[in-house]
Amino acid sequence: MPEITSDLILAILIGFGSTMIQSLTGFGLSIVSTPLFLMVYDPKQVVLILQLICVVINVFFALALYKNIDKHFLWILFIGSIIGQPVGLFIFQIAPNNTLKLFVGLTILIFLIISNLNRKVIKETDKKTAVAGFLSGILTTATSMGGPPLILYLANAKRDKVSMRATCIAYFAITNVSAIIIFLIGNTDFSFAFEQTIYLLPFCFVGLWLGNKLFPYLSQKMFNRIIFVMLLFSSLYTLYSAI
């Protein structure tokens, strides 16, 4: 059983806050908590801890939002992700910790810049959706953050927040399951991550409940602002911590 330390308390607060944002937007958990968890855990343990937390939270929440999920879109995304996840596992296995941090930060920042330079509405196609899933799959197993490609694709496609939120959560639920399977095939040790997850999950569920209560009061404009601030903070902090 882990000792109650200041680091564990900080991790609990991070899990609570990022899960609340996940409940509001559909994708805040990994993007917000990954750079913050790096203050507490080894980068590779952060990836594993978030895989375990996310699979529980996202499966639970996806079942609650099932009626708002775009099933065809979800299926195409998942096919792309399955192809990309082994590539991400390879990066995870060979990359040093600081390199992994830089990869995380630069990935978010690049996608953020692209999204602000490109103001054109993207027309959704199965091919574009599969590519977004492929890139997301790579990032899921390499960094635990499969969100940026999907966020930018859906935001530029101008999806409404209800469909975007439900479909994102369902997508992350099934990709977290497949990612854990791929990690296990790669003989990854989850023992420390599992121990920490047991402590963090109850507080994550409180954040999930609170975010769901606040969601009806969130405007589309505020929704988009949260996405921007969340991505910018994550990228800059992660780059700073790697230097």
Protein backbone atom coordinates (compact mmCIF):
# COMPACT_ATOMS: atom_id res chain seq x y z
CA MET A 1 0.00 0.00 0.00
CA PRO A 2 1.50 3.38 -1.01
CA GLU A 3 2.54 5.79 1.72
CA ILE A 4 0.42 8.96 1.91
CA THR A 5 2.89 11.62 0.77
CA SER A 6 2.68 15.15 -0.64
CA ASP A 7 3.34 13.68 -4.09
CA LEU A 8 0.39 11.32 -3.78
CA ILE A 9 -1.88 14.15 -2.59
CA LEU A 10 -0.76 16.25 -5.58
CA ALA A 11 -1.47 13.31 -7.90
CA ILE A 12 -4.97 12.97 -6.39
CA LEU A 13 -5.69 16.67 -7.02
CA ILE A 14 -4.42 16.36 -10.59
CA GLY A 15 -6.60 13.31 -11.19
CA PHE A 16 -9.68 15.07 -9.79
CA GLY A 17 -9.21 18.27 -11.82
CA SER A 18 -8.32 16.63 -15.11
CA THR A 19 -11.21 14.15 -14.86
CA MET A 20 -13.61 17.04 -14.30
CA ILE A 21 -12.31 18.65 -17.50
CA GLN A 22 -12.66 15.28 -19.26
CA SER A 23 -16.30 15.19 -18.20
CA LEU A 24 -16.84 18.70 -19.60
CA THR A 25 -15.03 18.32 -22.93
CA GLY A 26 -14.60 14.62 -23.67
CA PHE A 27 -10.81 14.62 -23.83
CA GLY A 28 -9.20 16.57 -20.98
CA LEU A 29 -8.00 13.74 -18.78
CA SER A 30 -4.76 12.74 -20.50
CA ILE A 31 -3.95 16.11 -22.05
CA VAL A 32 -4.17 18.02 -18.79
CA SER A 33 -2.87 15.36 -16.41
CA THR A 34 0.09 14.06 -18.44
CA PRO A 35 2.31 17.16 -18.03
CA LEU A 36 1.17 17.62 -14.42
CA PHE A 37 1.72 13.97 -13.48
CA LEU A 38 5.29 14.39 -14.76
CA MET A 39 5.90 16.42 -11.58
CA VAL A 40 5.13 13.29 -9.55
CA TYR A 41 5.95 10.20 -11.62
CA ASP A 42 8.47 8.89 -14.10
CA PRO A 43 7.28 9.71 -17.70
CA LYS A 44 6.78 6.07 -18.65
CA GLN A 45 4.84 5.36 -15.46
CA VAL A 46 2.61 8.34 -16.28
CA VAL A 47 1.68 6.68 -19.56
CA LEU A 48 0.75 3.42 -17.81
CA ILE A 49 -1.14 5.04 -14.92
CA LEU A 50 -3.22 7.07 -17.34
CA GLN A 51 -4.00 4.03 -19.46
CA LEU A 52 -5.52 2.35 -16.39
CA ILE A 53 -7.38 5.43 -15.13
CA CYS A 54 -8.69 6.29 -18.58
CA VAL A 55 -9.96 2.82 -19.37
CA VAL A 56 -12.12 2.78 -16.23
CA ILE A 57 -13.36 6.38 -16.48
CA ASN A 58 -13.99 6.35 -20.23
CA VAL A 59 -15.78 2.98 -20.36
CA PHE A 60 -18.03 4.04 -17.50
CA PHE A 61 -18.81 7.42 -19.05
CA ALA A 62 -19.22 6.09 -22.61
CA LEU A 63 -21.98 3.77 -21.45
CA ALA A 64 -23.79 6.75 -19.93
CA LEU A 65 -23.52 8.76 -23.18
CA TYR A 66 -24.15 5.88 -25.58
CA LYS A 67 -27.14 7.45 -27.37
CA ASN A 68 -25.08 10.48 -28.53
CA ILE A 69 -22.20 8.46 -30.04
CA ASP A 70 -21.63 8.53 -33.83
CA LYS A 71 -21.08 4.79 -34.32
CA HIS A 72 -19.80 4.84 -37.94
CA PHE A 73 -17.32 7.62 -37.19
CA LEU A 74 -16.17 5.78 -34.07
CA TRP A 75 -15.52 2.55 -36.00
CA ILE A 76 -13.35 4.25 -38.66
CA LEU A 77 -11.36 6.07 -35.97
CA PHE A 78 -10.74 2.83 -34.12
CA ILE A 79 -9.45 1.02 -37.23
CA GLY A 80 -6.92 3.81 -37.78
CA SER A 81 -5.92 3.75 -34.11
CA ILE A 82 -5.27 -0.01 -34.05
CA ILE A 83 -2.82 0.41 -36.93
CA GLY A 84 -1.03 3.28 -35.17
CA GLN A 85 -0.75 1.85 -31.66
CA PRO A 86 2.13 -0.60 -32.34
CA VAL A 87 4.14 2.32 -33.75
CA GLY A 88 3.51 4.24 -30.53
CA LEU A 89 4.55 1.24 -28.42
CA PHE A 90 7.88 1.12 -30.27
CA ILE A 91 8.46 4.82 -29.48
CA PHE A 92 7.51 4.23 -25.83
CA GLN A 93 9.99 1.35 -25.51
CA ILE A 94 13.02 3.05 -27.06
CA ALA A 95 12.63 6.74 -26.13
CA PRO A 96 14.55 8.14 -23.10
CA ASN A 97 12.41 9.99 -20.54
CA ASN A 98 13.38 13.54 -21.57
CA THR A 99 12.93 12.68 -25.24
CA LEU A 100 9.45 11.40 -24.42
CA LYS A 101 8.65 14.68 -22.63
CA LEU A 102 9.85 16.72 -25.61
CA PHE A 103 7.83 14.54 -27.96
CA VAL A 104 4.70 15.11 -25.87
CA GLY A 105 5.15 18.89 -25.66
CA LEU A 106 6.09 19.44 -29.29
CA THR A 107 3.24 17.25 -30.52
CA ILE A 108 0.63 19.29 -28.67
CA LEU A 109 2.21 22.63 -29.66
CA ILE A 110 2.43 21.71 -33.36
CA PHE A 111 -1.19 20.62 -33.47
CA LEU A 112 -2.22 23.80 -31.64
CA ILE A 113 -0.38 26.00 -34.16
CA ILE A 114 -1.89 24.11 -37.09
CA SER A 115 -5.40 24.46 -35.68
CA ASN A 116 -5.04 28.24 -35.30
CA LEU A 117 -3.46 28.78 -38.72
CA ASN A 118 -6.08 26.68 -40.47
CA ARG A 119 -9.46 28.33 -40.06
CA LYS A 120 -11.10 26.42 -42.89
CA VAL A 121 -13.86 23.97 -42.06
CA ILE A 122 -12.73 20.39 -42.72
CA LYS A 123 -15.16 18.11 -44.53
CA GLU A 124 -15.28 14.76 -42.74
CA THR A 125 -14.41 11.72 -44.87
CA ASP A 126 -13.64 8.13 -43.90
CA LYS A 127 -10.05 8.54 -45.13
CA LYS A 128 -9.42 11.68 -43.05
CA THR A 129 -11.06 10.06 -40.05
CA ALA A 130 -8.81 6.99 -40.38
CA VAL A 131 -5.70 9.20 -40.58
CA ALA A 132 -6.79 11.08 -37.43
CA GLY A 133 -7.29 7.70 -35.72
CA PHE A 134 -3.86 6.49 -36.88
CA LEU A 135 -2.07 9.56 -35.47
CA SER A 136 -4.12 9.32 -32.29
CA GLY A 137 -3.21 5.63 -31.94
CA ILE A 138 0.51 6.42 -32.14
CA LEU A 139 0.20 9.06 -29.42
CA THR A 140 -1.99 6.83 -27.23
CA THR A 141 0.68 4.19 -26.68
CA ALA A 142 3.69 6.53 -26.93
CA THR A 143 2.49 9.25 -24.55
CA SER A 144 -1.03 8.32 -23.28
CA MET A 145 -2.32 11.44 -25.09
CA GLY A 146 -4.28 10.36 -28.13
CA GLY A 147 -6.38 13.51 -28.04
CA PRO A 148 -4.67 16.24 -30.13
CA PRO A 149 -5.25 14.81 -33.64
CA LEU A 150 -8.85 13.96 -32.82
CA ILE A 151 -9.55 17.28 -31.09
CA LEU A 152 -8.24 19.32 -34.00
CA TYR A 153 -10.01 17.22 -36.61
CA LEU A 154 -13.37 17.40 -34.87
CA ALA A 155 -13.03 21.07 -33.91
CA ASN A 156 -12.25 22.08 -37.50
CA ALA A 157 -15.07 19.88 -38.75
CA LYS A 158 -17.34 22.03 -36.56
CA ARG A 159 -19.07 19.22 -34.71
CA ASP A 160 -21.49 20.22 -31.98
CA LYS A 161 -20.22 19.77 -28.43
CA VAL A 162 -22.69 17.00 -27.48
CA SER A 163 -21.72 14.67 -30.36
CA MET A 164 -18.03 15.58 -30.05
CA ARG A 165 -17.95 14.88 -26.32
CA ALA A 166 -19.77 11.53 -26.46
CA THR A 167 -17.87 10.19 -29.48
CA CYS A 168 -14.47 11.23 -28.08
CA ILE A 169 -15.15 9.51 -24.78
CA ALA A 170 -16.32 6.31 -26.51
CA TYR A 171 -13.29 6.36 -28.80
CA PHE A 172 -10.86 6.75 -25.91
CA ALA A 173 -12.64 3.97 -24.01
CA ILE A 174 -12.03 1.38 -26.71
CA THR A 175 -8.52 2.62 -27.59
CA ASN A 176 -7.49 2.47 -23.93
CA VAL A 177 -8.58 -1.17 -23.84
CA SER A 178 -6.66 -2.00 -27.02
CA ALA A 179 -3.61 -0.03 -25.83
CA ILE A 180 -3.44 -1.98 -22.56
CA ILE A 181 -3.63 -5.23 -24.53
CA ILE A 182 -0.75 -4.07 -26.74
CA PHE A 183 1.31 -3.05 -23.70
CA LEU A 184 0.72 -6.48 -22.14
CA ILE A 185 1.75 -8.20 -25.37
CA GLY A 186 4.93 -6.12 -25.15
CA ASN A 187 5.56 -7.49 -21.60
CA THR A 188 5.05 -4.12 -19.91
CA ASP A 189 5.03 -4.16 -16.09
CA PHE A 190 1.85 -2.50 -14.75
CA SER A 191 2.38 -3.30 -11.05
CA PHE A 192 3.36 0.22 -9.87
CA ALA A 193 0.80 1.87 -12.14
CA PHE A 194 -1.97 -0.38 -10.81
CA GLU A 195 -1.05 0.42 -7.20
CA GLN A 196 -1.23 4.17 -7.81
CA THR A 197 -4.43 3.90 -9.85
CA ILE A 198 -6.27 2.28 -6.94
CA TYR A 199 -5.65 5.43 -4.88
CA LEU A 200 -6.47 7.92 -7.64
CA LEU A 201 -9.66 6.43 -9.11
CA PRO A 202 -12.16 7.37 -6.34
CA PHE A 203 -11.20 11.04 -6.66
CA CYS A 204 -11.37 10.82 -10.45
CA PHE A 205 -14.97 9.62 -10.19
CA VAL A 206 -15.81 12.65 -8.03
CA GLY A 207 -14.35 14.88 -10.76
CA LEU A 208 -16.34 13.00 -13.38
CA TRP A 209 -19.59 13.55 -11.46
CA LEU A 210 -18.92 17.26 -10.91
CA GLY A 211 -18.00 17.89 -14.55
CA ASN A 212 -21.15 16.15 -15.76
CA LYS A 213 -23.25 18.39 -13.50
CA LEU A 214 -21.57 21.52 -14.91
CA PHE A 215 -21.70 20.45 -18.59
CA PRO A 216 -25.21 21.85 -19.38
CA TYR A 217 -24.00 25.32 -18.36
CA LEU A 218 -20.99 25.26 -20.71
CA SER A 219 -21.46 27.34 -23.90
CA GLN A 220 -19.90 26.34 -27.25
CA LYS A 221 -17.64 29.43 -27.08
CA MET A 222 -16.40 28.58 -23.60
CA PHE A 223 -16.01 24.94 -24.71
CA ASN A 224 -13.61 26.04 -27.49
CA ARG A 225 -11.69 28.33 -25.13
CA ILE A 226 -11.15 25.50 -22.65
CA ILE A 227 -9.73 23.36 -25.47
CA PHE A 228 -7.27 26.08 -26.52
CA VAL A 229 -6.05 26.93 -23.01
CA MET A 230 -5.78 23.25 -22.10
CA LEU A 231 -3.59 22.45 -25.10
CA LEU A 232 -1.40 25.54 -24.78
CA PHE A 233 -0.71 25.00 -21.07
CA SER A 234 0.05 21.30 -21.55
CA SER A 235 2.52 21.85 -24.37
CA LEU A 236 4.44 24.74 -22.76
CA TYR A 237 4.69 23.13 -19.33
CA THR A 238 5.85 19.80 -20.76
CA LEU A 239 8.54 21.47 -22.88
CA TYR A 240 9.69 23.48 -19.87
CA SER A 241 9.97 20.36 -17.70
CA ALA A 242 12.06 18.57 -20.35
CA ILE A 243 14.66 21.33 -20.71
